[in-house]
Amino acid sequence: MRAEWIQRPVPALADTLPWLHAEAVTEQARLAVADEWGEEPERIHIEWGPVRGDWQPPVGARVSLLGTGSGGHWVAVVTAPGNPDEGTQVRLRAGVEVRQPVAARAIPRGHTLTEADIRYETGIHWGPSREVDFRVAAGWVTEAPVREGQILRRPTVRPARVVEAGRTVDIVWARDGISIRLKGRALGSAAAGEMVRVRTETGRRMEGVAQQDGLVVVYAGGTRTRGQGGGR
């Protein structure tokens, strides 16, 4: 059997297969997806597309994957053990069980989150867990209205900015244990730990790391600096 991924509309999916050894095939698919994504197999959830034909996988059937896994979508190539020409293809969608932060209530835009605004629920992300960043904490700010139960993640929520564009900032230029403190103006906004561009009072442009207290640290030699008139 020649393995091909034929583009067709995605059909309705189901949790099970109409096969005698469906559980074993699903477990093989779960292990294959876990290996591709670097996830724990027990966290992988599989949904199957319709099966065409009346072929029944025997005991020990092999499962390999076709496709990129984008959106959790694969084509499972199910073959008889020792005979790759005997088998079939079935579409599947794979997801990972994740613990995700959701809104405990409806929240307006521009609201600073408190612990009471956040609750955690177990859900399925259709794709590898590395695709999502569920970091959120009290003190973050909503960029849009949030409905109750909605997942809290960027860009809907963001860390509070400690540096605001156009504001005066203190800059520390550091190199080889030597530091110089300067005054300047922020050319962008940033949360703590993010990069931000600044301009000193003499007009020199630099790029540094925003600190929790609003200070911007420029590490000479490790971070680009620009002369007056430079831009990007």
Protein backbone atom coordinates (compact mmCIF):
# COMPACT_ATOMS: atom_id res chain seq x y z
CA MET A 1 0.00 0.00 0.00
CA ARG A 2 1.45 3.37 -1.01
CA ALA A 3 0.98 5.91 1.79
CA GLU A 4 -0.45 9.24 0.63
CA TRP A 5 -2.15 12.09 2.43
CA ILE A 6 -5.13 12.98 0.25
CA GLN A 7 -6.63 16.40 0.93
CA ARG A 8 -10.36 16.09 1.70
CA PRO A 9 -12.80 17.99 3.92
CA VAL A 10 -12.29 16.93 7.54
CA PRO A 11 -15.18 14.61 8.54
CA ALA A 12 -16.86 14.28 11.92
CA LEU A 13 -14.64 12.64 14.52
CA ALA A 14 -15.33 9.97 17.12
CA ASP A 15 -13.54 8.63 20.21
CA THR A 16 -13.60 5.00 19.02
CA LEU A 17 -13.01 2.85 15.93
CA PRO A 18 -15.40 0.13 14.67
CA TRP A 19 -12.70 -2.52 14.93
CA LEU A 20 -12.27 -5.57 17.11
CA HIS A 21 -8.81 -4.39 18.19
CA ALA A 22 -9.68 -0.68 18.26
CA GLU A 23 -8.16 -0.06 21.70
CA ALA A 24 -4.81 -1.51 20.65
CA VAL A 25 -4.76 0.61 17.47
CA THR A 26 -5.64 3.75 19.45
CA GLU A 27 -2.85 3.00 21.92
CA GLN A 28 -0.38 2.62 19.03
CA ALA A 29 -1.53 5.98 17.65
CA ARG A 30 -1.24 7.58 21.08
CA LEU A 31 2.34 6.34 21.45
CA ALA A 32 3.24 7.56 17.95
CA VAL A 33 1.87 11.06 18.61
CA ALA A 34 3.52 11.22 22.04
CA ASP A 35 6.86 10.35 20.43
CA GLU A 36 6.44 13.01 17.73
CA TRP A 37 5.52 15.72 20.23
CA GLY A 38 7.66 14.68 23.18
CA GLU A 39 4.60 14.31 25.43
CA GLU A 40 3.59 11.73 28.03
CA PRO A 41 1.37 9.13 26.29
CA GLU A 42 -1.26 9.18 29.04
CA ARG A 43 -1.89 12.88 28.30
CA ILE A 44 -2.65 12.27 24.61
CA HIS A 45 -6.30 12.26 23.51
CA ILE A 46 -7.23 10.74 20.13
CA GLU A 47 -10.34 11.27 18.01
CA TRP A 48 -10.88 9.28 14.81
CA GLY A 49 -12.40 10.04 11.44
CA PRO A 50 -14.63 7.52 9.62
CA VAL A 51 -13.19 4.19 8.50
CA ARG A 52 -13.60 3.25 4.84
CA GLY A 53 -13.80 -0.36 3.74
CA ASP A 54 -14.23 -3.53 5.79
CA TRP A 55 -10.57 -4.36 6.50
CA GLN A 56 -9.98 -5.36 10.12
CA PRO A 57 -6.53 -4.80 11.66
CA PRO A 58 -5.14 -8.06 13.08
CA VAL A 59 -3.49 -8.39 16.47
CA GLY A 60 -0.20 -6.49 16.48
CA ALA A 61 -1.21 -4.02 13.76
CA ARG A 62 1.28 -1.19 13.25
CA VAL A 63 0.43 2.53 13.21
CA SER A 64 2.51 5.27 11.59
CA LEU A 65 1.64 8.92 11.02
CA LEU A 66 1.43 11.05 7.89
CA GLY A 67 1.30 14.83 7.89
CA THR A 68 2.66 17.68 9.97
CA GLY A 69 0.30 17.37 12.93
CA SER A 70 -0.86 20.97 12.43
CA GLY A 71 -3.89 21.61 14.60
CA GLY A 72 -3.52 18.05 15.90
CA HIS A 73 -4.49 16.55 12.51
CA TRP A 74 -2.72 13.47 11.19
CA VAL A 75 -3.43 10.53 8.92
CA ALA A 76 -2.84 7.20 10.65
CA VAL A 77 -1.47 4.47 8.40
CA VAL A 78 -2.61 1.18 9.96
CA THR A 79 -0.92 -1.93 8.54
CA ALA A 80 -0.74 -5.62 9.26
CA PRO A 81 2.39 -6.75 11.13
CA GLY A 82 5.08 -7.81 8.69
CA ASN A 83 3.03 -6.74 5.65
CA PRO A 84 3.03 -2.96 5.02
CA ASP A 85 1.03 -3.46 1.80
CA GLU A 86 -2.00 -4.67 3.76
CA GLY A 87 -3.83 -1.96 5.66
CA THR A 88 -5.76 1.28 5.53
CA GLN A 89 -5.57 4.98 6.35
CA VAL A 90 -7.73 6.82 8.88
CA ARG A 91 -7.75 10.50 9.74
CA LEU A 92 -7.26 11.38 13.38
CA ARG A 93 -7.00 14.45 15.54
CA ALA A 94 -4.71 14.40 18.55
CA GLY A 95 -4.64 16.68 21.54
CA VAL A 96 -2.82 17.00 24.84
CA GLU A 97 -4.50 17.24 28.22
CA VAL A 98 -3.44 20.56 29.76
CA ARG A 99 -4.25 22.56 32.87
CA GLN A 100 -5.34 25.95 31.62
CA PRO A 101 -6.25 29.21 33.36
CA VAL A 102 -9.74 30.52 32.62
CA ALA A 103 -11.71 33.56 33.69
CA ALA A 104 -13.67 32.95 36.88
CA ARG A 105 -16.14 35.64 35.81
CA ALA A 106 -16.78 38.10 32.99
CA ILE A 107 -13.95 40.66 32.99
CA PRO A 108 -13.87 44.03 31.20
CA ARG A 109 -11.03 45.33 29.05
CA GLY A 110 -8.25 47.10 30.94
CA HIS A 111 -8.85 45.19 34.18
CA THR A 112 -5.91 44.20 36.37
CA LEU A 113 -6.37 40.54 37.26
CA THR A 114 -6.58 39.35 40.86
CA GLU A 115 -6.32 35.79 42.16
CA ALA A 116 -10.13 35.72 42.37
CA ASP A 117 -10.37 36.34 38.59
CA ILE A 118 -8.46 33.15 37.71
CA ARG A 119 -9.43 29.51 38.03
CA TYR A 120 -7.83 26.43 36.48
CA GLU A 121 -9.53 23.73 34.43
CA THR A 122 -8.33 20.65 32.60
CA GLY A 123 -8.85 20.83 28.85
CA ILE A 124 -7.57 19.48 25.54
CA HIS A 125 -5.20 21.48 23.35
CA TRP A 126 -5.30 20.18 19.77
CA GLY A 127 -1.58 20.15 19.16
CA PRO A 128 1.60 19.81 21.24
CA SER A 129 1.65 21.60 24.58
CA ARG A 130 4.75 23.56 23.52
CA GLU A 131 2.49 25.59 21.20
CA VAL A 132 0.69 27.28 24.07
CA ASP A 133 1.83 29.52 26.89
CA PHE A 134 -0.56 29.39 29.82
CA ARG A 135 1.49 31.63 32.08
CA VAL A 136 -0.80 34.16 33.71
CA ALA A 137 -0.84 35.73 37.14
CA ALA A 138 -2.50 38.31 39.31
CA GLY A 139 -1.35 41.73 38.15
CA TRP A 140 -1.73 40.95 34.44
CA VAL A 141 -4.05 43.19 32.42
CA THR A 142 -6.86 42.32 30.00
CA GLU A 143 -6.47 43.70 26.47
CA ALA A 144 -10.07 42.83 25.53
CA PRO A 145 -13.30 41.89 27.32
CA VAL A 146 -13.19 38.31 28.62
CA ARG A 147 -16.22 36.08 29.11
CA GLU A 148 -16.54 33.70 32.04
CA GLY A 149 -14.75 30.42 31.31
CA GLN A 150 -12.62 31.87 28.50
CA ILE A 151 -8.97 30.76 28.47
CA LEU A 152 -6.66 33.48 29.77
CA ARG A 153 -3.65 33.77 27.48
CA ARG A 154 -1.87 36.26 25.27
CA PRO A 155 -2.85 38.44 23.51
CA THR A 156 -6.12 38.63 25.47
CA VAL A 157 -4.12 39.21 28.66
CA ARG A 158 -0.60 40.52 29.15
CA PRO A 159 1.81 41.28 31.99
CA ALA A 160 1.55 44.77 33.42
CA ARG A 161 3.94 47.18 31.70
CA VAL A 162 6.71 48.53 33.90
CA VAL A 163 8.03 50.81 31.15
CA GLU A 164 5.73 53.01 29.07
CA ALA A 165 6.65 54.56 25.72
CA GLY A 166 7.48 58.26 25.98
CA ARG A 167 8.12 58.18 29.73
CA THR A 168 11.37 59.19 31.41
CA VAL A 169 13.34 56.16 32.61
CA ASP A 170 16.51 55.40 34.52
CA ILE A 171 19.04 53.46 32.45
CA VAL A 172 21.93 51.39 33.77
CA TRP A 173 24.70 50.69 31.24
CA ALA A 174 26.69 47.69 32.44
CA ARG A 175 29.89 46.05 31.20
CA ASP A 176 32.57 43.90 32.87
CA GLY A 177 31.41 44.78 36.38
CA ILE A 178 31.28 48.51 35.64
CA SER A 179 27.92 50.30 35.54
CA ILE A 180 26.89 53.83 34.66
CA ARG A 181 23.50 55.28 35.53
CA LEU A 182 21.85 57.51 32.93
CA LYS A 183 18.59 59.31 32.34
CA GLY A 184 16.62 58.68 29.18
CA ARG A 185 13.27 58.20 27.52
CA ALA A 186 11.53 54.95 26.62
CA LEU A 187 10.92 54.45 22.89
CA GLY A 188 8.57 51.54 23.53
CA SER A 189 6.58 49.82 26.26
CA ALA A 190 7.61 46.62 28.03
CA ALA A 191 6.78 44.28 30.88
CA ALA A 192 9.46 43.13 33.32
CA GLY A 193 12.02 40.95 31.55
CA GLU A 194 11.16 42.19 28.06
CA MET A 195 13.47 44.09 25.73
CA VAL A 196 12.80 47.79 25.21
CA ARG A 197 14.51 50.55 23.25
CA VAL A 198 15.50 53.77 25.01
CA ARG A 199 17.20 57.05 24.12
CA THR A 200 19.58 58.78 26.51
CA GLU A 201 19.56 62.53 27.16
CA THR A 202 22.49 62.85 24.74
CA GLY A 203 20.46 61.19 21.99
CA ARG A 204 22.14 57.78 22.02
CA ARG A 205 19.78 54.89 21.35
CA MET A 206 20.14 51.62 23.20
CA GLU A 207 18.22 48.42 23.83
CA GLY A 208 17.96 46.92 27.28
CA VAL A 209 15.93 44.75 29.62
CA ALA A 210 13.05 46.27 31.58
CA GLN A 211 13.21 45.55 35.32
CA GLN A 212 10.31 45.19 37.75
CA ASP A 213 11.05 48.62 39.26
CA GLY A 214 10.99 50.32 35.83
CA LEU A 215 14.77 50.46 35.46
CA VAL A 216 16.22 49.55 32.04
CA VAL A 217 19.51 47.64 32.11
CA VAL A 218 21.68 47.75 28.98
CA TYR A 219 24.28 44.98 28.90
CA ALA A 220 27.05 46.31 26.66
CA GLY A 221 28.51 43.64 24.41
CA GLY A 222 25.47 41.39 24.77
CA THR A 223 22.80 43.83 23.65
CA ARG A 224 22.84 46.09 20.62
CA THR A 225 23.38 49.81 21.08
CA ARG A 226 22.76 52.43 18.44
CA GLY A 227 24.12 55.85 17.80
CA GLN A 228 21.88 58.84 17.31
CA GLY A 229 19.84 58.54 14.16
CA GLY A 230 19.96 54.73 14.15
CA GLY A 231 16.71 52.89 13.70
CA ARG A 232 15.18 49.58 12.86
